[in-house]
Amino acid sequence: MPKGPTASLKVKEWGNSLAVRIRATVARSAHLSEGQPVLIAVQDESVAVKPVGTPKLKFAQRLARFDPKKHRGELMPTGRTGAEVF
């Protein structure tokens, strides 16, 4: 018996492949996100999808993780940093 949310879906053609859309409730429960690497395996005539690695973060998520102390503040200095001549 499934432990989390379930969905009854149809397999569709996508180019020369087949595809299934994963509903948002199921994806959240499985900790899947857009860009997430997954491993797909056949198990007893079923297909299992397992997240692997780390998901590709969106810009806002990457920006939220930015730590100025760790990354030495701003990327672009506002003043002279060397022997520039203006």
C-alpha atoms as a PDB file:
ATOM      1  CA  MET A   1       0.000   0.000   0.000  1.00  0.00           C
ATOM      2  CA  PRO A   2       1.408   3.475  -0.886  1.00  0.00           C
ATOM      3  CA  LYS A   3       2.530   5.578   2.091  1.00  0.00           C
ATOM      4  CA  GLY A   4       2.002   9.054   0.622  1.00  0.00           C
ATOM      5  CA  PRO A   5      -0.100  10.864  -1.979  1.00  0.00           C
ATOM      6  CA  THR A   6      -1.026   8.896  -5.097  1.00  0.00           C
ATOM      7  CA  ALA A   7      -2.193   9.883  -8.585  1.00  0.00           C
ATOM      8  CA  SER A   8      -3.748   7.953 -11.443  1.00  0.00           C
ATOM      9  CA  LEU A   9      -1.998   9.189 -14.610  1.00  0.00           C
ATOM     10  CA  LYS A  10      -1.684   8.356 -18.313  1.00  0.00           C
ATOM     11  CA  VAL A  11       1.537   7.698 -20.195  1.00  0.00           C
ATOM     12  CA  LYS A  12       1.942  10.146 -23.124  1.00  0.00           C
ATOM     13  CA  GLU A  13       4.273  10.339 -26.102  1.00  0.00           C
ATOM     14  CA  TRP A  14       7.064  12.897 -25.921  1.00  0.00           C
ATOM     15  CA  GLY A  15       9.108  12.746 -29.122  1.00  0.00           C
ATOM     16  CA  ASN A  16      10.449   9.203 -29.415  1.00  0.00           C
ATOM     17  CA  SER A  17       9.988   8.623 -25.680  1.00  0.00           C
ATOM     18  CA  LEU A  18       7.167   8.205 -23.198  1.00  0.00           C
ATOM     19  CA  ALA A  19       6.436  10.593 -20.352  1.00  0.00           C
ATOM     20  CA  VAL A  20       4.329  10.870 -17.210  1.00  0.00           C
ATOM     21  CA  ARG A  21       3.631  14.181 -15.484  1.00  0.00           C
ATOM     22  CA  ILE A  22       4.094  13.981 -11.739  1.00  0.00           C
ATOM     23  CA  ARG A  23       1.476  15.943  -9.801  1.00  0.00           C
ATOM     24  CA  ALA A  24       2.731  18.643  -7.452  1.00  0.00           C
ATOM     25  CA  THR A  25       1.471  16.907  -4.295  1.00  0.00           C
ATOM     26  CA  VAL A  26       3.287  13.691  -5.228  1.00  0.00           C
ATOM     27  CA  ALA A  27       6.452  15.579  -6.235  1.00  0.00           C
ATOM     28  CA  ARG A  28       6.544  17.518  -2.954  1.00  0.00           C
ATOM     29  CA  SER A  29       6.004  14.345  -0.953  1.00  0.00           C
ATOM     30  CA  ALA A  30       8.910  12.677  -2.815  1.00  0.00           C
ATOM     31  CA  HIS A  31      11.080  15.805  -2.444  1.00  0.00           C
ATOM     32  CA  LEU A  32      11.307  16.247  -6.230  1.00  0.00           C
ATOM     33  CA  SER A  33      11.780  19.622  -7.879  1.00  0.00           C
ATOM     34  CA  GLU A  34      12.414  20.936 -11.364  1.00  0.00           C
ATOM     35  CA  GLY A  35      15.954  20.086 -12.444  1.00  0.00           C
ATOM     36  CA  GLN A  36      16.291  17.359  -9.791  1.00  0.00           C
ATOM     37  CA  PRO A  37      18.413  14.428 -10.980  1.00  0.00           C
ATOM     38  CA  VAL A  38      16.543  11.125 -10.603  1.00  0.00           C
ATOM     39  CA  LEU A  39      17.250   7.427 -10.975  1.00  0.00           C
ATOM     40  CA  ILE A  40      14.547   5.404 -12.749  1.00  0.00           C
ATOM     41  CA  ALA A  41      14.503   1.633 -12.262  1.00  0.00           C
ATOM     42  CA  VAL A  42      12.193  -1.279 -13.023  1.00  0.00           C
ATOM     43  CA  GLN A  43      11.197  -3.226  -9.902  1.00  0.00           C
ATOM     44  CA  ASP A  44       8.835  -6.219 -10.154  1.00  0.00           C
ATOM     45  CA  GLU A  45       7.059  -4.898 -13.285  1.00  0.00           C
ATOM     46  CA  SER A  46       6.788  -1.424 -11.718  1.00  0.00           C
ATOM     47  CA  VAL A  47       8.773   1.735 -12.327  1.00  0.00           C
ATOM     48  CA  ALA A  48      10.476   3.450  -9.385  1.00  0.00           C
ATOM     49  CA  VAL A  49      11.699   7.055  -9.508  1.00  0.00           C
ATOM     50  CA  LYS A  50      14.258   8.005  -6.840  1.00  0.00           C
ATOM     51  CA  PRO A  51      15.833  11.460  -6.341  1.00  0.00           C
ATOM     52  CA  VAL A  52      19.641  11.468  -6.440  1.00  0.00           C
ATOM     53  CA  GLY A  53      22.159  14.242  -5.974  1.00  0.00           C
ATOM     54  CA  THR A  54      21.063  17.792  -5.343  1.00  0.00           C
ATOM     55  CA  PRO A  55      18.381  19.653  -7.264  1.00  0.00           C
ATOM     56  CA  LYS A  56      19.290  22.491  -9.602  1.00  0.00           C
ATOM     57  CA  LEU A  57      18.537  25.646  -7.632  1.00  0.00           C
ATOM     58  CA  LYS A  58      16.675  28.589  -9.095  1.00  0.00           C
ATOM     59  CA  PHE A  59      18.311  32.028  -8.916  1.00  0.00           C
ATOM     60  CA  ALA A  60      16.224  33.137  -5.920  1.00  0.00           C
ATOM     61  CA  GLN A  61      17.165  29.948  -4.036  1.00  0.00           C
ATOM     62  CA  ARG A  62      20.862  30.439  -4.803  1.00  0.00           C
ATOM     63  CA  LEU A  63      20.677  34.086  -3.767  1.00  0.00           C
ATOM     64  CA  ALA A  64      19.006  33.105  -0.476  1.00  0.00           C
ATOM     65  CA  ARG A  65      22.005  30.856   0.308  1.00  0.00           C
ATOM     66  CA  PHE A  66      24.543  33.638  -0.347  1.00  0.00           C
ATOM     67  CA  ASP A  67      26.553  34.488   2.794  1.00  0.00           C
ATOM     68  CA  PRO A  68      28.530  37.758   2.442  1.00  0.00           C
ATOM     69  CA  LYS A  69      30.925  36.769   5.252  1.00  0.00           C
ATOM     70  CA  LYS A  70      31.736  33.441   3.649  1.00  0.00           C
ATOM     71  CA  HIS A  71      31.973  34.825   0.112  1.00  0.00           C
ATOM     72  CA  ARG A  72      33.795  38.065   1.009  1.00  0.00           C
ATOM     73  CA  GLY A  73      30.921  40.482   0.474  1.00  0.00           C
ATOM     74  CA  GLU A  74      30.083  42.030  -2.867  1.00  0.00           C
ATOM     75  CA  LEU A  75      31.421  40.516  -6.053  1.00  0.00           C
ATOM     76  CA  MET A  76      32.121  43.898  -7.639  1.00  0.00           C
ATOM     77  CA  PRO A  77      34.249  46.327  -5.652  1.00  0.00           C
ATOM     78  CA  THR A  78      32.950  49.899  -5.544  1.00  0.00           C
ATOM     79  CA  GLY A  79      36.329  51.579  -5.332  1.00  0.00           C
ATOM     80  CA  ARG A  80      39.865  51.121  -6.579  1.00  0.00           C
ATOM     81  CA  THR A  81      41.420  47.788  -5.788  1.00  0.00           C
ATOM     82  CA  GLY A  82      44.794  48.105  -7.487  1.00  0.00           C
ATOM     83  CA  ALA A  83      46.824  50.611  -9.502  1.00  0.00           C
ATOM     84  CA  GLU A  84      43.986  51.766 -11.770  1.00  0.00           C
ATOM     85  CA  VAL A  85      44.405  55.165 -13.395  1.00  0.00           C
ATOM     86  CA  PHE A  86      41.242  57.222 -13.878  1.00  0.00           C
END
